[in-house]
Amino acid sequence: MSTSARPQESLIILWAGEDPAIHATLLESLDAVGIPYKDLRLGDDEISPTADPLPIEAKPRFGFEVAVPSGDITAARQILEKILDQEPAELELPAQDAATTEPAPALISETELHPNVQVWFGTNETIAQFLVAAMQENQIPIHLETEEGTRISVSAAHEARAREIVREVTEAEPSE
């Protein structure tokens, strides 16, 4: 609940920020002691923000702004300091169960990490490029060697699918 400032006093910005908990606590505290304030939501104004992404004035572009009459600024700052000095409530992380601290089982076997089964060797660069693209599209890790031609190797876990892709490309016929 915002109360209007006395007409002869100017308003001074007490706090501007993005934390809704601090904002709510500040307004409740000011209401409790009877200090009038002006509460503005930043980003709701009708004036569009400047095109400058780095304005000289360090001011939040969204959030809240609370101003109080100049005669009440000292008391309002004391209230704000008490709020800011409080520890945030309920931010403690819950204790983890012992079951969740065990390492996750390996999803990739050791043989999948070392592509060492040769599935194709040739000197036709076009076919080699097409095979590499087909293996990548099928998410099959490969190892390439390009001495005296191109050698494509895969892991034992991917051998059957890789050989089927090589057969489809080299014979130009998909299996049925």
Protein backbone atom coordinates (compact mmCIF):
# COMPACT_ATOMS: atom_id res chain seq x y z
CA MET A 1 0.00 0.00 0.00
CA SER A 2 1.62 3.17 -1.17
CA THR A 3 0.92 6.40 0.59
CA SER A 4 1.50 9.71 -1.10
CA ALA A 5 4.41 11.91 -0.14
CA ARG A 6 3.88 15.26 1.52
CA PRO A 7 3.66 17.92 -1.22
CA GLN A 8 6.60 20.00 0.04
CA GLU A 9 9.09 17.10 0.14
CA SER A 10 10.90 15.58 -2.79
CA LEU A 11 11.22 11.83 -3.22
CA ILE A 12 14.56 10.03 -2.92
CA ILE A 13 15.14 6.57 -4.32
CA LEU A 14 15.64 4.21 -1.39
CA TRP A 15 16.07 0.92 -3.23
CA ALA A 16 15.96 -0.41 -6.78
CA GLY A 17 16.38 -4.07 -7.60
CA GLU A 18 14.99 -7.29 -9.00
CA ASP A 19 14.46 -9.35 -5.83
CA PRO A 20 10.72 -9.69 -5.16
CA ALA A 21 11.33 -10.94 -1.58
CA ILE A 22 13.33 -7.84 -0.64
CA HIS A 23 10.74 -5.65 -2.37
CA ALA A 24 7.80 -7.18 -0.48
CA THR A 25 9.61 -7.11 2.87
CA LEU A 26 10.63 -3.47 2.36
CA LEU A 27 7.09 -2.36 1.55
CA GLU A 28 5.65 -4.25 4.55
CA SER A 29 8.26 -2.70 6.85
CA LEU A 30 7.65 0.82 5.57
CA ASP A 31 3.88 0.33 5.98
CA ALA A 32 4.39 -0.98 9.53
CA VAL A 33 6.16 2.21 10.68
CA GLY A 34 4.03 4.58 8.60
CA ILE A 35 6.69 5.84 6.19
CA PRO A 36 5.06 6.89 2.91
CA TYR A 37 6.63 5.59 -0.30
CA LYS A 38 6.26 5.51 -4.04
CA ASP A 39 6.46 2.00 -5.52
CA LEU A 40 7.30 1.65 -9.22
CA ARG A 41 7.65 -1.49 -11.31
CA LEU A 42 10.54 -1.06 -13.71
CA GLY A 43 9.93 -2.14 -17.28
CA ASP A 44 6.23 -1.26 -17.12
CA ASP A 45 6.75 2.37 -18.10
CA GLU A 46 5.45 3.70 -21.37
CA ILE A 47 8.83 5.08 -22.44
CA SER A 48 10.82 2.63 -24.50
CA PRO A 49 14.33 1.85 -23.25
CA THR A 50 17.27 3.47 -24.98
CA ALA A 51 19.03 1.65 -27.77
CA ASP A 52 22.29 1.83 -25.82
CA PRO A 53 22.90 -1.66 -24.35
CA LEU A 54 25.46 -0.23 -21.92
CA PRO A 55 23.91 2.89 -20.43
CA ILE A 56 26.10 5.15 -18.33
CA GLU A 57 23.57 5.03 -15.53
CA ALA A 58 23.72 1.67 -13.70
CA LYS A 59 20.03 1.06 -13.21
CA PRO A 60 18.06 -2.18 -13.48
CA ARG A 61 15.93 -2.44 -16.62
CA PHE A 62 13.27 -4.50 -14.86
CA GLY A 63 12.32 -5.08 -11.26
CA PHE A 64 11.24 -2.59 -8.60
CA GLU A 65 12.06 0.91 -7.42
CA VAL A 66 10.98 2.34 -4.06
CA ALA A 67 11.28 6.06 -3.25
CA VAL A 68 10.53 7.81 0.06
CA PRO A 69 10.14 11.48 1.03
CA SER A 70 13.46 13.19 1.80
CA GLY A 71 12.46 13.74 5.44
CA ASP A 72 12.03 9.97 6.00
CA ILE A 73 15.15 8.77 4.16
CA THR A 74 17.26 8.17 7.29
CA ALA A 75 14.66 5.97 8.99
CA ALA A 76 13.90 4.19 5.71
CA ARG A 77 17.61 3.44 5.10
CA GLN A 78 17.88 1.89 8.58
CA ILE A 79 14.93 -0.39 7.76
CA LEU A 80 16.51 -1.31 4.40
CA GLU A 81 19.88 -2.10 6.02
CA LYS A 82 18.20 -4.47 8.49
CA ILE A 83 16.43 -6.24 5.60
CA LEU A 84 19.63 -6.54 3.55
CA ASP A 85 21.61 -7.82 6.56
CA GLN A 86 19.20 -10.72 7.11
CA GLU A 87 20.18 -14.14 5.84
CA PRO A 88 18.00 -15.34 2.98
CA ALA A 89 15.37 -17.74 4.29
CA GLU A 90 15.04 -21.35 3.16
CA LEU A 91 17.91 -21.38 0.69
CA GLU A 92 19.68 -24.33 2.28
CA LEU A 93 20.19 -27.27 -0.03
CA PRO A 94 18.60 -30.50 1.19
CA ALA A 95 20.92 -33.32 2.23
CA GLN A 96 21.39 -35.95 -0.44
CA ASP A 97 20.69 -39.60 0.17
CA ALA A 98 23.64 -41.99 0.13
CA ALA A 99 22.11 -43.74 -2.87
CA THR A 100 22.39 -40.63 -5.04
CA THR A 101 26.09 -40.14 -4.29
CA GLU A 102 27.11 -43.39 -5.98
CA PRO A 103 28.69 -42.87 -9.40
CA ALA A 104 26.40 -43.48 -12.34
CA PRO A 105 27.11 -46.64 -14.31
CA ALA A 106 29.05 -46.17 -17.51
CA LEU A 107 26.71 -45.78 -20.45
CA ILE A 108 29.44 -46.40 -23.02
CA SER A 109 31.50 -49.54 -22.89
CA GLU A 110 35.24 -49.37 -23.36
CA THR A 111 35.00 -50.92 -26.85
CA GLU A 112 32.78 -48.05 -28.03
CA LEU A 113 35.48 -45.52 -27.13
CA HIS A 114 38.08 -47.02 -29.47
CA PRO A 115 36.86 -47.45 -33.07
CA ASN A 116 39.18 -50.24 -34.27
CA VAL A 117 37.05 -52.42 -36.60
CA GLN A 118 37.70 -51.50 -40.23
CA VAL A 119 34.45 -51.36 -42.21
CA TRP A 120 35.68 -49.71 -45.41
CA PHE A 121 38.89 -48.90 -47.28
CA GLY A 122 39.04 -47.22 -50.66
CA THR A 123 40.50 -44.48 -52.82
CA ASN A 124 37.24 -42.95 -54.09
CA GLU A 125 37.05 -39.65 -52.21
CA THR A 126 33.36 -39.10 -53.07
CA ILE A 127 32.30 -42.43 -51.57
CA ALA A 128 34.52 -41.79 -48.53
CA GLN A 129 32.86 -38.40 -47.90
CA PHE A 130 29.42 -39.91 -48.34
CA LEU A 131 30.21 -42.75 -45.90
CA VAL A 132 31.56 -40.32 -43.30
CA ALA A 133 28.38 -38.22 -43.57
CA ALA A 134 26.18 -41.34 -43.32
CA MET A 135 28.01 -42.55 -40.20
CA GLN A 136 27.65 -39.11 -38.57
CA GLU A 137 23.96 -38.97 -39.48
CA ASN A 138 23.48 -42.35 -37.79
CA GLN A 139 25.53 -41.18 -34.77
CA ILE A 140 28.20 -43.82 -35.26
CA PRO A 141 31.63 -42.68 -33.98
CA ILE A 142 34.33 -43.31 -36.54
CA HIS A 143 38.10 -43.23 -36.88
CA LEU A 144 39.56 -42.07 -40.21
CA GLU A 145 42.99 -42.84 -41.63
CA THR A 146 43.96 -41.32 -44.97
CA GLU A 147 47.24 -43.02 -45.90
CA GLU A 148 47.13 -44.37 -49.49
CA GLY A 149 43.34 -44.11 -49.44
CA THR A 150 40.67 -43.69 -46.79
CA ARG A 151 40.17 -46.22 -44.01
CA ILE A 152 36.99 -45.99 -41.88
CA SER A 153 36.93 -47.83 -38.57
CA VAL A 154 34.13 -48.11 -35.99
CA SER A 155 33.77 -49.72 -32.58
CA ALA A 156 32.67 -53.35 -32.28
CA ALA A 157 29.34 -52.19 -30.84
CA HIS A 158 28.53 -50.29 -34.09
CA GLU A 159 30.09 -52.74 -36.56
CA ALA A 160 26.88 -54.38 -37.85
CA ARG A 161 25.06 -51.10 -38.53
CA ALA A 162 28.19 -49.52 -40.07
CA ARG A 163 28.70 -52.49 -42.42
CA GLU A 164 25.04 -52.24 -43.48
CA ILE A 165 25.53 -48.52 -44.28
CA VAL A 166 28.70 -49.32 -46.29
CA ARG A 167 26.83 -52.02 -48.23
CA GLU A 168 23.91 -49.68 -48.99
CA VAL A 169 26.27 -46.93 -50.21
CA THR A 170 28.62 -49.10 -52.25
CA GLU A 171 25.91 -51.30 -53.79
CA ALA A 172 23.38 -48.43 -53.92
CA GLU A 173 20.63 -50.71 -52.60
CA PRO A 174 18.95 -50.47 -49.21
CA SER A 175 18.30 -53.78 -47.47
CA GLU A 176 14.72 -54.94 -47.16
